[in-house]
């Protein structure tokens, strides 16, 4: 279960010595049937409690304008002309940008053996994963989580970043920073990336077993022209 202490007022908006409640028009855009759907629902609920107008969309709105558009686990690249409709278009990406741009950064870094992975909230631009950075936190793992547990941590911190941005908006935008350094890129993962090597031990391939999805891209191995699908579940 996810808990987050939310502020009812933006402390930066003060008029006549009084705090003024700020209401924003917000859209959350995400792929249909994405794992992040339940976390989008939680984020929507918390933003509505704060007094904001929130719309959930499976496709980027190319007609209406919003204060903030959160693009969460959304695979479409949006053209500049449509990004310009909104005050801010915000992406959450699991890497220390500009390192780790591209696809499935959390998965790739788990495969690299990392247990502490930065997660970044930044401004979307026409160039992939290239915008100014607003906030960063760290995802912390013990090295034994499977995909559902990895996503739980990812989803909860994603909610935190989005709420932090909305609640402390005026402070945060003043501290934004450009990405510095040479970028690195992760490629898109394919079903074939879940292929186990029968000549390696389970321990050697455990991180691969951690990131496979039993339904969408399950672990498998091939032997003598036969393909075997594996299902992995954590009992304790």
Foldseek 3Di string as FASTA:
>chain_A
DFDDDADLFQPVDDDPNDTDQDEWEEEEEAAPPDPLVVLVVVLVVVNVVSPYHYYYYPDQDQPAETAEYEYENHDDQDAQNSCVRYNFYKYKAWADPLEEFEPDSVLVVLLVVDFKIKIWIFTHHNDGPFGWTQDIDIQGHPSQAAQVVSVVSVSNVVSVVVSCCVSHVVVRVVVIGGTDDDHDYDYYDDLCLLEDDPVDDCVNCVSSRRYADLPPRFHWYDDPNDIGGDDDDDPD
